[in-house]
Amino acid sequence: MEDGVMDIDIFQRNSELFNLIKEFEFEQVYTFFKHGMSVEKNKQLKKRWCSYKDRILPKLNSLNVTNKQDNEDFAIKWADYMYYRNCDINLFTLFVNKRDFYLNNFKCNGIEKLKDYMQQGINPILVASHTGPYQAIIPALASQSIEFSYFMDKNSVELWNEIIQTYLEDYRELLHPIGLPSKNSIKQGIVNLKKGLPLLIFPEFSFYESNELTTNFFNKEIKVPIGSAKLASKYNLPLIPITFERNNFTFELTIHDSIRDIDDQRSIDVIATETMKWVENRVKDNMTEWWCWEIFESLMQVEENHEVPTI
């Protein structure tokens, strides 16, 4: 498929050019790239955009998350999200350690709650959904001097390590990625928790043997991954949802109220189900910017015979 200027690997390999671009005002740079990426100006990249639209449309017809007459509009907006989201991720990563951008284009809400926990020697489990420019949560948290571990697709770890080395050298020692799937990933996450590092998890699905727990999610029965709830309960840690989004030229990181507090006596299943309810509500805020629609049926939805497969 045709390379795009905002593909993550292109961004990583052209640091000299992007660091020159960084000298311009963020608003100018963002507008320039969004216009330059227009699918109407590049027939090869339009094929990529069309592939997103063509892949999601039949899934929408079977999922019934919108009225069928709205599926075409939904597919167009989801294709836009998939096509342009790396622009948000890459440009935030590029500009986050630039002072004027940090002061004028980046807001943090509730970060004091997280820092207060860490000052008490409490390292929360953080959960975030695959919505919006979700990978930019990594540099966003690091910019707040938060040292943490995070689970990431093992195929992306090396590339992201290179991006961190290239653009986020000041934050390099704060970031501890753990590749999934891997038989040692959970063990490494626990080791890092015991060292005092918060752990960031995207809880929509698991690559490991799933629990038999299910719940209703957009009127479908889904498997409920219990990993984040199990870790928080076993080690008596708060489980805290976080969000990251862009509104025009401003990015916003928010640390929300806990799903699980310290000494919460509720069961793992209850906490895990509440976590998925939080994800559902988060997706409802902007349904066309959830990456997981594409893998919803294969990795989340329970099969009609109600047997929960091993992934």
Protein backbone atom coordinates (compact mmCIF):
# COMPACT_ATOMS: atom_id res chain seq x y z
CA MET A 1 0.00 0.00 0.00
CA GLU A 2 1.18 3.54 -0.76
CA ASP A 3 3.23 5.12 2.03
CA GLY A 4 1.74 8.20 3.69
CA VAL A 5 3.73 11.08 5.11
CA MET A 6 2.23 10.45 8.55
CA ASP A 7 2.83 6.70 8.69
CA ILE A 8 4.60 5.90 11.96
CA ASP A 9 7.63 4.37 10.22
CA ILE A 10 7.96 7.36 7.85
CA PHE A 11 7.81 9.65 10.88
CA GLN A 12 10.52 7.66 12.61
CA ARG A 13 12.88 7.55 9.60
CA ASN A 14 12.69 11.25 8.76
CA SER A 15 13.53 12.85 12.08
CA GLU A 16 15.81 15.49 10.57
CA LEU A 17 12.99 16.83 8.42
CA PHE A 18 10.38 16.67 11.17
CA ASN A 19 12.64 18.40 13.68
CA LEU A 20 13.00 21.26 11.21
CA ILE A 21 9.22 21.39 10.83
CA LYS A 22 8.93 21.59 14.60
CA GLU A 23 10.33 25.14 14.48
CA PHE A 24 7.06 26.37 12.97
CA GLU A 25 3.88 27.05 14.92
CA PHE A 26 1.89 23.92 15.70
CA GLU A 27 -1.35 25.23 14.18
CA GLN A 28 0.41 25.93 10.89
CA VAL A 29 2.07 22.53 10.80
CA TYR A 30 -1.10 20.65 11.70
CA THR A 31 -3.15 22.46 9.07
CA PHE A 32 -0.45 21.93 6.45
CA PHE A 33 -0.32 18.16 7.00
CA LYS A 34 -4.08 17.69 7.23
CA HIS A 35 -4.52 19.50 3.91
CA GLY A 36 -1.55 17.72 2.37
CA MET A 37 -2.94 14.31 3.36
CA SER A 38 -6.28 14.99 1.66
CA VAL A 39 -7.34 11.85 -0.19
CA GLU A 40 -8.71 14.05 -2.95
CA LYS A 41 -5.15 15.10 -3.78
CA ASN A 42 -3.58 11.64 -3.89
CA LYS A 43 -5.26 8.78 -5.72
CA GLN A 44 -2.95 6.14 -4.24
CA LEU A 45 -3.68 7.20 -0.68
CA LYS A 46 -7.35 7.39 -1.51
CA LYS A 47 -7.19 3.64 -2.09
CA ARG A 48 -6.07 3.25 1.53
CA TRP A 49 -8.94 5.43 2.75
CA CYS A 50 -11.39 3.43 0.65
CA SER A 51 -10.02 0.18 2.05
CA TYR A 52 -10.89 1.35 5.58
CA LYS A 53 -14.40 2.26 4.49
CA ASP A 54 -14.91 -0.97 2.56
CA ARG A 55 -13.68 -3.11 5.47
CA ILE A 56 -15.88 -1.56 8.13
CA LEU A 57 -19.16 -1.24 6.21
CA PRO A 58 -20.13 -4.94 6.16
CA LYS A 59 -19.22 -5.22 9.84
CA LEU A 60 -21.54 -2.33 10.67
CA ASN A 61 -24.35 -4.05 8.83
CA SER A 62 -23.98 -7.11 11.05
CA LEU A 63 -23.30 -5.30 14.33
CA ASN A 64 -26.38 -3.07 14.20
CA VAL A 65 -24.70 -0.30 16.21
CA THR A 66 -26.38 2.33 14.03
CA ASN A 67 -29.41 2.50 11.81
CA LYS A 68 -28.61 0.89 8.48
CA GLN A 69 -29.29 4.14 6.63
CA ASP A 70 -26.58 5.76 8.81
CA ASN A 71 -23.96 3.07 8.21
CA GLU A 72 -22.53 4.75 5.11
CA ASP A 73 -21.94 8.02 6.99
CA PHE A 74 -20.51 6.09 9.96
CA ALA A 75 -18.11 4.22 7.65
CA ILE A 76 -16.93 7.47 6.06
CA LYS A 77 -16.19 9.03 9.46
CA TRP A 78 -14.44 5.88 10.72
CA ALA A 79 -12.30 5.79 7.56
CA ASP A 80 -11.35 9.43 8.20
CA TYR A 81 -10.38 8.52 11.76
CA MET A 82 -8.23 5.59 10.69
CA TYR A 83 -6.62 7.58 7.90
CA TYR A 84 -5.81 10.76 9.85
CA ARG A 85 -5.20 9.50 13.41
CA ASN A 86 -1.43 9.13 12.94
CA CYS A 87 -1.31 12.85 12.19
CA ASP A 88 -2.56 13.51 15.74
CA ILE A 89 -0.25 10.92 17.30
CA ASN A 90 2.90 11.95 15.44
CA LEU A 91 2.49 15.71 15.71
CA PHE A 92 1.66 15.53 19.42
CA THR A 93 4.77 13.38 19.92
CA LEU A 94 6.83 15.87 17.91
CA PHE A 95 5.64 18.99 19.73
CA VAL A 96 4.94 17.84 23.31
CA ASN A 97 8.34 18.87 24.67
CA LYS A 98 8.19 22.27 22.97
CA ARG A 99 7.37 24.86 25.63
CA ASP A 100 4.86 27.03 23.76
CA PHE A 101 2.92 23.96 22.58
CA TYR A 102 2.94 22.50 26.09
CA LEU A 103 1.54 25.74 27.52
CA ASN A 104 -0.97 26.60 24.79
CA ASN A 105 -2.06 23.35 23.13
CA PHE A 106 -1.99 20.71 25.87
CA LYS A 107 -4.22 20.42 28.94
CA CYS A 108 -3.89 17.93 31.80
CA ASN A 109 -6.78 17.25 34.15
CA GLY A 110 -6.48 15.29 37.37
CA ILE A 111 -2.78 14.47 37.04
CA GLU A 112 -2.33 15.46 40.69
CA LYS A 113 -4.42 12.44 41.77
CA LEU A 114 -2.02 10.10 40.02
CA LYS A 115 1.05 11.84 41.42
CA ASP A 116 -0.43 11.81 44.94
CA TYR A 117 -0.85 8.04 44.74
CA MET A 118 2.71 7.59 43.54
CA GLN A 119 4.10 9.81 46.29
CA GLN A 120 2.40 7.47 48.79
CA GLY A 121 4.09 4.48 47.17
CA ILE A 122 0.87 3.38 45.45
CA ASN A 123 1.18 2.54 41.76
CA PRO A 124 -2.24 2.44 40.08
CA ILE A 125 -3.46 0.28 37.24
CA LEU A 126 -4.38 2.69 34.44
CA VAL A 127 -6.93 1.75 31.78
CA ALA A 128 -7.56 3.53 28.49
CA SER A 129 -9.70 2.60 25.52
CA HIS A 130 -8.58 2.36 21.89
CA THR A 131 -10.32 5.63 21.06
CA GLY A 132 -9.02 8.75 19.37
CA PRO A 133 -5.22 9.13 19.16
CA TYR A 134 -4.82 6.63 22.00
CA GLN A 135 -1.11 5.87 21.46
CA ALA A 136 -0.30 9.51 22.23
CA ILE A 137 -1.19 8.73 25.86
CA ILE A 138 2.37 7.39 26.11
CA PRO A 139 4.20 10.70 25.48
CA ALA A 140 1.40 12.60 27.26
CA LEU A 141 1.96 10.76 30.55
CA ALA A 142 5.73 10.92 30.17
CA SER A 143 5.55 14.69 29.70
CA GLN A 144 4.09 14.83 33.24
CA SER A 145 7.19 13.08 34.62
CA ILE A 146 5.23 9.85 35.18
CA GLU A 147 7.37 6.72 34.95
CA PHE A 148 5.19 3.77 33.95
CA SER A 149 4.89 0.45 32.11
CA TYR A 150 2.43 -0.18 29.32
CA PHE A 151 1.28 -3.12 27.25
CA MET A 152 1.68 -2.74 23.50
CA ASP A 153 1.49 -5.01 20.47
CA LYS A 154 4.90 -6.67 20.35
CA ASN A 155 5.22 -5.79 16.66
CA SER A 156 5.07 -2.08 17.55
CA VAL A 157 7.49 -2.05 20.50
CA GLU A 158 10.72 -1.75 18.50
CA LEU A 159 9.37 1.03 16.29
CA TRP A 160 8.02 2.96 19.26
CA ASN A 161 11.31 2.56 21.10
CA GLU A 162 12.99 4.16 18.08
CA ILE A 163 10.46 7.00 18.07
CA ILE A 164 11.07 7.59 21.77
CA GLN A 165 14.82 7.60 21.23
CA THR A 166 14.47 9.99 18.29
CA TYR A 167 11.87 12.47 19.52
CA LEU A 168 11.42 11.88 23.25
CA GLU A 169 14.93 11.30 24.51
CA ASP A 170 14.22 13.37 27.63
CA TYR A 171 11.47 10.91 28.58
CA ARG A 172 13.20 7.69 27.56
CA GLU A 173 13.96 6.49 31.09
CA LEU A 174 10.31 6.94 32.09
CA LEU A 175 8.83 4.56 29.53
CA HIS A 176 8.79 0.76 29.92
CA PRO A 177 6.90 -1.00 27.09
CA ILE A 178 5.87 -4.65 27.39
CA GLY A 179 5.10 -6.50 24.16
CA LEU A 180 1.91 -8.54 23.70
CA PRO A 181 1.27 -11.37 23.17
CA SER A 182 4.10 -12.93 25.14
CA LYS A 183 4.13 -15.61 27.82
CA ASN A 184 6.30 -13.37 29.99
CA SER A 185 4.37 -10.12 29.55
CA ILE A 186 2.14 -10.46 32.61
CA LYS A 187 5.13 -11.49 34.73
CA GLN A 188 7.04 -8.42 33.55
CA GLY A 189 4.08 -6.18 34.30
CA ILE A 190 3.91 -7.58 37.85
CA VAL A 191 7.67 -7.15 38.33
CA ASN A 192 7.35 -3.50 37.28
CA LEU A 193 4.34 -2.99 39.56
CA LYS A 194 6.40 -4.27 42.48
CA LYS A 195 9.11 -1.78 41.51
CA GLY A 196 6.56 1.00 41.96
CA LEU A 197 5.59 1.66 38.33
CA PRO A 198 1.96 2.23 37.32
CA LEU A 199 0.79 -0.09 34.53
CA LEU A 200 -1.23 1.15 31.54
CA ILE A 201 -3.61 -1.39 29.98
CA PHE A 202 -6.02 -1.12 27.06
CA PRO A 203 -8.70 -3.49 28.35
CA GLU A 204 -11.00 -4.16 25.38
CA PHE A 205 -9.61 -7.57 24.56
CA SER A 206 -7.00 -10.06 25.68
CA PHE A 207 -4.54 -12.25 23.83
CA TYR A 208 -4.67 -14.79 26.63
CA GLU A 209 -7.10 -17.43 27.75
CA SER A 210 -10.28 -15.58 28.53
CA ASN A 211 -12.42 -15.81 31.62
CA GLU A 212 -15.95 -17.20 31.23
CA LEU A 213 -17.31 -13.82 32.30
CA THR A 214 -19.47 -12.07 29.70
CA THR A 215 -21.48 -8.85 29.58
CA ASN A 216 -23.68 -6.85 27.26
CA PHE A 217 -21.76 -4.36 25.13
CA PHE A 218 -23.61 -2.44 22.40
CA ASN A 219 -26.36 -5.07 22.57
CA LYS A 220 -23.93 -7.93 21.94
CA GLU A 221 -22.62 -10.50 24.38
CA ILE A 222 -18.88 -10.07 24.74
CA LYS A 223 -16.04 -11.73 26.59
CA VAL A 224 -14.82 -9.61 29.51
CA PRO A 225 -11.04 -9.57 29.94
CA ILE A 226 -10.34 -9.57 33.67
CA GLY A 227 -6.60 -8.81 33.62
CA SER A 228 -6.71 -5.19 34.79
CA ALA A 229 -9.31 -5.95 37.50
CA LYS A 230 -7.41 -9.06 38.63
CA LEU A 231 -4.12 -7.20 39.01
CA ALA A 232 -5.75 -4.28 40.83
CA SER A 233 -7.57 -6.62 43.22
CA LYS A 234 -4.66 -8.98 43.86
CA TYR A 235 -2.25 -6.18 44.72
CA ASN A 236 -4.91 -3.88 46.24
CA LEU A 237 -4.29 -1.03 43.81
CA PRO A 238 -6.59 1.64 42.46
CA LEU A 239 -7.84 1.07 38.92
CA ILE A 240 -8.06 4.44 37.18
CA PRO A 241 -9.41 5.22 33.69
CA ILE A 242 -7.65 7.84 31.60
CA THR A 243 -8.61 9.53 28.34
CA PHE A 244 -6.75 11.47 25.67
CA GLU A 245 -8.42 13.47 22.94
CA ARG A 246 -7.96 16.34 20.53
CA ASN A 247 -10.32 19.27 20.12
CA ASN A 248 -9.24 21.44 17.17
CA PHE A 249 -5.62 22.38 18.02
CA THR A 250 -5.77 21.39 21.69
CA PHE A 251 -4.96 17.98 23.18
CA GLU A 252 -6.35 16.95 26.55
CA LEU A 253 -5.24 14.23 28.97
CA THR A 254 -7.70 13.44 31.76
CA ILE A 255 -7.24 11.22 34.82
CA HIS A 256 -10.76 10.17 35.85
CA ASP A 257 -12.21 8.94 39.14
CA SER A 258 -11.22 5.41 40.12
CA ILE A 259 -13.21 2.36 39.05
CA ARG A 260 -11.61 0.50 41.95
CA ASP A 261 -10.28 2.18 45.09
CA ILE A 262 -7.84 0.73 47.62
CA ASP A 263 -9.49 -1.86 49.89
CA ASP A 264 -12.45 -2.22 47.53
CA GLN A 265 -14.03 -5.55 48.51
CA ARG A 266 -16.02 -6.08 45.31
CA SER A 267 -15.23 -9.15 43.23
CA ILE A 268 -12.90 -9.19 40.26
CA ASP A 269 -15.85 -9.97 37.97
CA VAL A 270 -17.78 -6.92 39.16
CA ILE A 271 -14.80 -4.61 38.68
CA ALA A 272 -13.99 -6.09 35.27
CA THR A 273 -17.60 -5.65 34.13
CA GLU A 274 -17.63 -2.06 35.36
CA THR A 275 -14.42 -1.44 33.43
CA MET A 276 -16.05 -2.64 30.21
CA LYS A 277 -19.09 -0.45 30.96
CA TRP A 278 -16.68 2.49 31.22
CA VAL A 279 -15.21 1.52 27.83
CA GLU A 280 -18.69 1.33 26.31
CA ASN A 281 -19.58 4.78 27.62
CA ARG A 282 -16.28 6.12 26.37
CA VAL A 283 -16.94 4.74 22.88
CA LYS A 284 -20.44 6.22 22.91
CA ASP A 285 -18.88 9.67 23.31
CA ASN A 286 -17.51 9.37 19.77
CA MET A 287 -18.45 6.09 18.16
CA THR A 288 -16.61 6.71 14.88
CA GLU A 289 -13.24 6.99 16.65
CA TRP A 290 -12.95 3.54 18.18
CA TRP A 291 -10.25 1.45 16.53
CA CYS A 292 -11.74 -1.83 17.75
CA TRP A 293 -14.81 -1.90 15.50
CA GLU A 294 -12.70 -3.80 13.00
CA ILE A 295 -11.82 -6.61 15.41
CA PHE A 296 -14.97 -6.49 17.52
CA GLU A 297 -16.48 -9.75 16.26
CA SER A 298 -13.26 -11.76 16.15
CA LEU A 299 -11.71 -10.74 19.50
CA MET A 300 -14.53 -9.51 21.71
CA GLN A 301 -17.89 -10.94 20.77
CA VAL A 302 -19.00 -14.27 22.19
CA GLU A 303 -19.78 -16.86 19.56
CA GLU A 304 -23.36 -17.97 19.17
CA ASN A 305 -22.69 -21.25 20.99
CA HIS A 306 -21.47 -19.15 23.96
CA GLU A 307 -18.15 -20.98 24.16
CA VAL A 308 -15.40 -18.54 25.05
CA PRO A 309 -12.39 -19.37 22.86
CA THR A 310 -8.76 -19.28 23.78
CA ILE A 311 -7.03 -16.51 21.86
